[in-house]
């Protein structure tokens, strides 16, 4: 079973869908990408099929008659095998607004926050924030982030920083299914964001 299913509804998306798909592939085999060809009239379906051919363990394609964005999401939900589910738009141009309540109880809105981020980080930020909002345990989120296979040194630096920051929120005592590199015992737990062996005292932070 996959850890995460990402559904990408596409309609006449040939001009920009590849950039979106490429940004999701670094998730590797822990991520399932379902491309929904929603009755496209251009080469969307052919492009999707080519990705499925190249990455058969990651990409799946569903061709359907045009039913709209909502029906595309429904098809993704019906066919998802991942523990968690996320929808990513194929055009990468969706507007994102951030809302928060200040100390006086008033709601404040920052419109179109995607423009505030470097574009090369934006799709990864959306992916991470999406799985967090959907309740994926912090440890699983960290595992997902650390499994991303990225070529850019700057994005890898950012990715590692995000993982280190999130580890601070892993509950103390959370067990890890790994052997301690010092004593070989399966007694590693998180303590204050660091992996600590309760048998020999080994500790690794970051």
Protein backbone atom coordinates (compact mmCIF):
# COMPACT_ATOMS: atom_id res chain seq x y z
CA UNK A 1 0.00 0.00 0.00
CA UNK A 2 1.17 3.51 -0.80
CA UNK A 3 1.58 6.14 1.89
CA UNK A 4 0.08 8.94 -0.19
CA UNK A 5 -2.16 9.17 -3.27
CA UNK A 6 -1.96 12.40 -5.26
CA UNK A 7 -4.75 12.91 -7.79
CA UNK A 8 -4.16 15.31 -10.70
CA UNK A 9 -7.40 16.16 -12.58
CA UNK A 10 -6.53 17.22 -16.14
CA UNK A 11 -8.58 18.75 -18.91
CA UNK A 12 -6.74 19.99 -22.02
CA UNK A 13 -3.63 20.34 -19.87
CA UNK A 14 -0.95 19.38 -22.39
CA UNK A 15 0.90 22.70 -22.11
CA UNK A 16 1.58 22.59 -18.37
CA UNK A 17 0.75 19.19 -16.87
CA UNK A 18 4.28 17.80 -17.24
CA UNK A 19 5.75 20.43 -14.91
CA UNK A 20 3.20 19.43 -12.28
CA UNK A 21 3.85 15.69 -12.67
CA UNK A 22 7.61 16.16 -12.60
CA UNK A 23 7.30 18.01 -9.30
CA UNK A 24 5.50 15.01 -7.76
CA UNK A 25 7.76 12.19 -8.99
CA UNK A 26 10.48 12.77 -6.37
CA UNK A 27 8.10 11.23 -3.83
CA UNK A 28 9.22 7.88 -5.22
CA UNK A 29 7.43 4.59 -4.64
CA UNK A 30 5.79 5.75 -1.41
CA UNK A 31 3.60 8.07 -3.51
CA UNK A 32 0.93 7.09 -6.03
CA UNK A 33 0.07 9.64 -8.72
CA UNK A 34 -3.34 9.22 -10.36
CA UNK A 35 -3.80 11.36 -13.46
CA UNK A 36 -7.44 11.86 -14.43
CA UNK A 37 -7.85 12.61 -18.14
CA UNK A 38 -11.24 14.32 -18.01
CA UNK A 39 -12.25 13.90 -21.66
CA UNK A 40 -9.44 16.10 -22.98
CA UNK A 41 -9.41 17.05 -26.66
CA UNK A 42 -5.66 17.65 -26.88
CA UNK A 43 -2.68 15.38 -26.09
CA UNK A 44 -3.30 15.28 -22.33
CA UNK A 45 -4.21 11.59 -22.44
CA UNK A 46 -1.14 10.65 -24.50
CA UNK A 47 1.19 12.54 -22.16
CA UNK A 48 -0.42 10.88 -19.14
CA UNK A 49 -0.10 7.41 -20.68
CA UNK A 50 3.57 8.04 -21.43
CA UNK A 51 4.24 8.87 -17.76
CA UNK A 52 2.39 5.71 -16.71
CA UNK A 53 4.58 3.71 -19.11
CA UNK A 54 7.79 5.26 -17.78
CA UNK A 55 6.81 5.07 -14.10
CA UNK A 56 4.46 2.05 -13.79
CA UNK A 57 4.98 1.74 -10.02
CA UNK A 58 4.10 5.38 -9.38
CA UNK A 59 1.76 6.76 -12.07
CA UNK A 60 -1.71 5.52 -13.00
CA UNK A 61 -4.06 7.06 -15.58
CA UNK A 62 -7.84 7.10 -15.69
CA UNK A 63 -9.52 8.22 -18.91
CA UNK A 64 -13.13 9.36 -18.56
CA UNK A 65 -15.74 11.40 -20.38
CA UNK A 66 -15.71 15.05 -19.38
CA UNK A 67 -17.33 15.33 -15.97
CA UNK A 68 -15.61 18.37 -14.51
CA UNK A 69 -13.03 18.91 -11.80
CA UNK A 70 -15.20 17.44 -9.05
CA UNK A 71 -15.79 14.19 -10.89
CA UNK A 72 -12.06 13.93 -11.47
CA UNK A 73 -11.46 14.16 -7.72
CA UNK A 74 -14.19 11.55 -7.10
CA UNK A 75 -12.50 9.14 -9.51
CA UNK A 76 -9.23 9.68 -7.71
CA UNK A 77 -10.85 8.89 -4.37
CA UNK A 78 -12.47 5.73 -5.76
CA UNK A 79 -9.18 4.40 -7.12
CA UNK A 80 -6.75 5.61 -4.44
CA UNK A 81 -4.68 3.01 -2.60
CA UNK A 82 -2.68 5.42 -0.43
CA UNK A 83 -3.24 5.85 3.28
CA UNK A 84 -3.63 9.60 2.67
CA UNK A 85 -5.15 11.52 -0.22
CA UNK A 86 -4.22 14.84 -1.83
CA UNK A 87 -5.45 16.75 -4.90
CA UNK A 88 -3.02 18.86 -6.95
CA UNK A 89 -4.20 21.04 -9.83
CA UNK A 90 -2.50 20.34 -13.15
CA UNK A 91 -1.91 23.99 -14.05
CA UNK A 92 -0.07 25.03 -10.88
CA UNK A 93 -1.84 28.40 -10.99
CA UNK A 94 -4.43 27.92 -8.28
CA UNK A 95 -4.79 30.88 -5.90
CA UNK A 96 -4.03 30.14 -2.25
CA UNK A 97 -5.17 32.44 0.56
CA UNK A 98 -3.98 32.19 4.15
CA UNK A 99 -6.37 33.07 6.97
CA UNK A 100 -5.62 33.39 10.67
CA UNK A 101 -7.16 34.92 13.78
CA UNK A 102 -5.16 37.56 15.58
CA UNK A 103 -4.96 37.96 19.38
CA UNK A 104 -8.09 40.15 19.30
CA UNK A 105 -10.16 37.44 17.59
CA UNK A 106 -10.33 39.14 14.18
CA UNK A 107 -9.87 37.07 11.02
CA UNK A 108 -7.05 38.30 8.79
CA UNK A 109 -6.49 37.18 5.20
CA UNK A 110 -3.31 37.23 3.13
CA UNK A 111 -4.41 36.79 -0.48
CA UNK A 112 -2.55 34.75 -3.08
CA UNK A 113 0.32 33.61 -0.87
CA UNK A 114 1.74 31.44 -3.68
CA UNK A 115 3.28 34.60 -5.16
CA UNK A 116 5.34 35.04 -1.99
CA UNK A 117 7.22 31.75 -2.43
CA UNK A 118 9.99 30.71 -4.79
CA UNK A 119 8.19 28.65 -7.45
CA UNK A 120 10.62 25.73 -7.16
CA UNK A 121 9.53 25.18 -3.54
CA UNK A 122 5.82 25.85 -3.98
CA UNK A 123 4.52 22.42 -5.09
CA UNK A 124 6.48 20.69 -2.32
CA UNK A 125 5.13 23.18 0.22
CA UNK A 126 1.56 22.49 -0.99
CA UNK A 127 2.12 18.74 -0.72
CA UNK A 128 3.50 18.95 2.82
CA UNK A 129 0.83 21.36 4.06
CA UNK A 130 -1.89 19.25 2.47
CA UNK A 131 -0.93 16.01 4.21
CA UNK A 132 -0.56 17.85 7.51
CA UNK A 133 -4.05 19.36 7.17
CA UNK A 134 -5.45 15.91 6.42
CA UNK A 135 -4.12 14.51 9.67
CA UNK A 136 -1.10 12.47 8.59
CA UNK A 137 0.97 11.72 11.72
CA UNK A 138 4.06 13.93 12.01
CA UNK A 139 6.40 10.93 11.92
CA UNK A 140 4.88 9.77 8.61
CA UNK A 141 5.17 13.30 7.20
CA UNK A 142 8.84 13.41 8.15
CA UNK A 143 9.38 9.99 6.56
CA UNK A 144 7.66 11.18 3.38
CA UNK A 145 9.75 14.36 3.23
CA UNK A 146 13.02 12.51 3.82
CA UNK A 147 12.14 10.03 1.05
CA UNK A 148 11.79 12.78 -1.58
CA UNK A 149 14.46 12.25 -4.23
CA UNK A 150 15.44 15.73 -5.38
CA UNK A 151 18.22 16.89 -7.70
CA UNK A 152 18.44 20.53 -6.64
CA UNK A 153 20.88 21.27 -3.81
CA UNK A 154 18.85 24.28 -2.69
CA UNK A 155 15.60 22.28 -2.50
CA UNK A 156 17.36 19.47 -0.62
CA UNK A 157 18.64 22.01 1.90
CA UNK A 158 15.10 23.36 2.29
CA UNK A 159 13.65 19.83 2.53
CA UNK A 160 16.09 18.86 5.29
CA UNK A 161 15.28 22.04 7.19
CA UNK A 162 11.54 21.32 7.03
CA UNK A 163 12.11 17.76 8.28
CA UNK A 164 14.25 18.99 11.20
CA UNK A 165 11.62 21.54 12.16
CA UNK A 166 8.78 18.99 12.09
CA UNK A 167 10.73 16.51 14.22
CA UNK A 168 10.36 18.95 17.12
CA UNK A 169 6.63 18.14 17.09
CA UNK A 170 6.99 14.35 17.22
CA UNK A 171 5.72 13.22 20.61
CA UNK A 172 8.44 12.19 23.05
CA UNK A 173 8.66 8.41 23.29
CA UNK A 174 7.50 7.76 19.71
CA UNK A 175 9.15 4.50 18.64
CA UNK A 176 11.00 4.09 15.35
CA UNK A 177 11.30 0.77 13.50
CA UNK A 178 15.05 1.05 13.05
CA UNK A 179 18.04 -0.50 14.78
CA UNK A 180 20.35 1.68 16.79
CA UNK A 181 23.59 2.14 14.79
CA UNK A 182 25.55 1.98 18.06
CA UNK A 183 24.20 -1.08 19.86
CA UNK A 184 21.99 -2.72 17.23
CA UNK A 185 18.89 -2.81 19.42
CA UNK A 186 15.45 -1.77 18.11
CA UNK A 187 15.00 0.69 20.95
CA UNK A 188 15.13 4.05 19.16
CA UNK A 189 12.58 6.68 20.23
CA UNK A 190 12.16 10.38 19.60
CA UNK A 191 13.02 12.69 22.47
CA UNK A 192 12.85 16.48 21.99
CA UNK A 193 13.15 16.06 18.24
CA UNK A 194 16.17 13.75 18.43
CA UNK A 195 16.45 10.00 17.89
CA UNK A 196 17.58 8.47 21.16
CA UNK A 197 18.37 4.88 22.03
CA UNK A 198 16.93 3.90 25.41
CA UNK A 199 19.35 0.96 25.62
CA UNK A 200 22.73 2.64 25.15
CA UNK A 201 22.01 6.38 25.19
CA UNK A 202 22.95 7.00 21.56
CA UNK A 203 21.40 10.24 20.24
CA UNK A 204 21.15 11.85 16.83
CA UNK A 205 19.51 15.20 16.14
CA UNK A 206 18.63 16.78 12.79
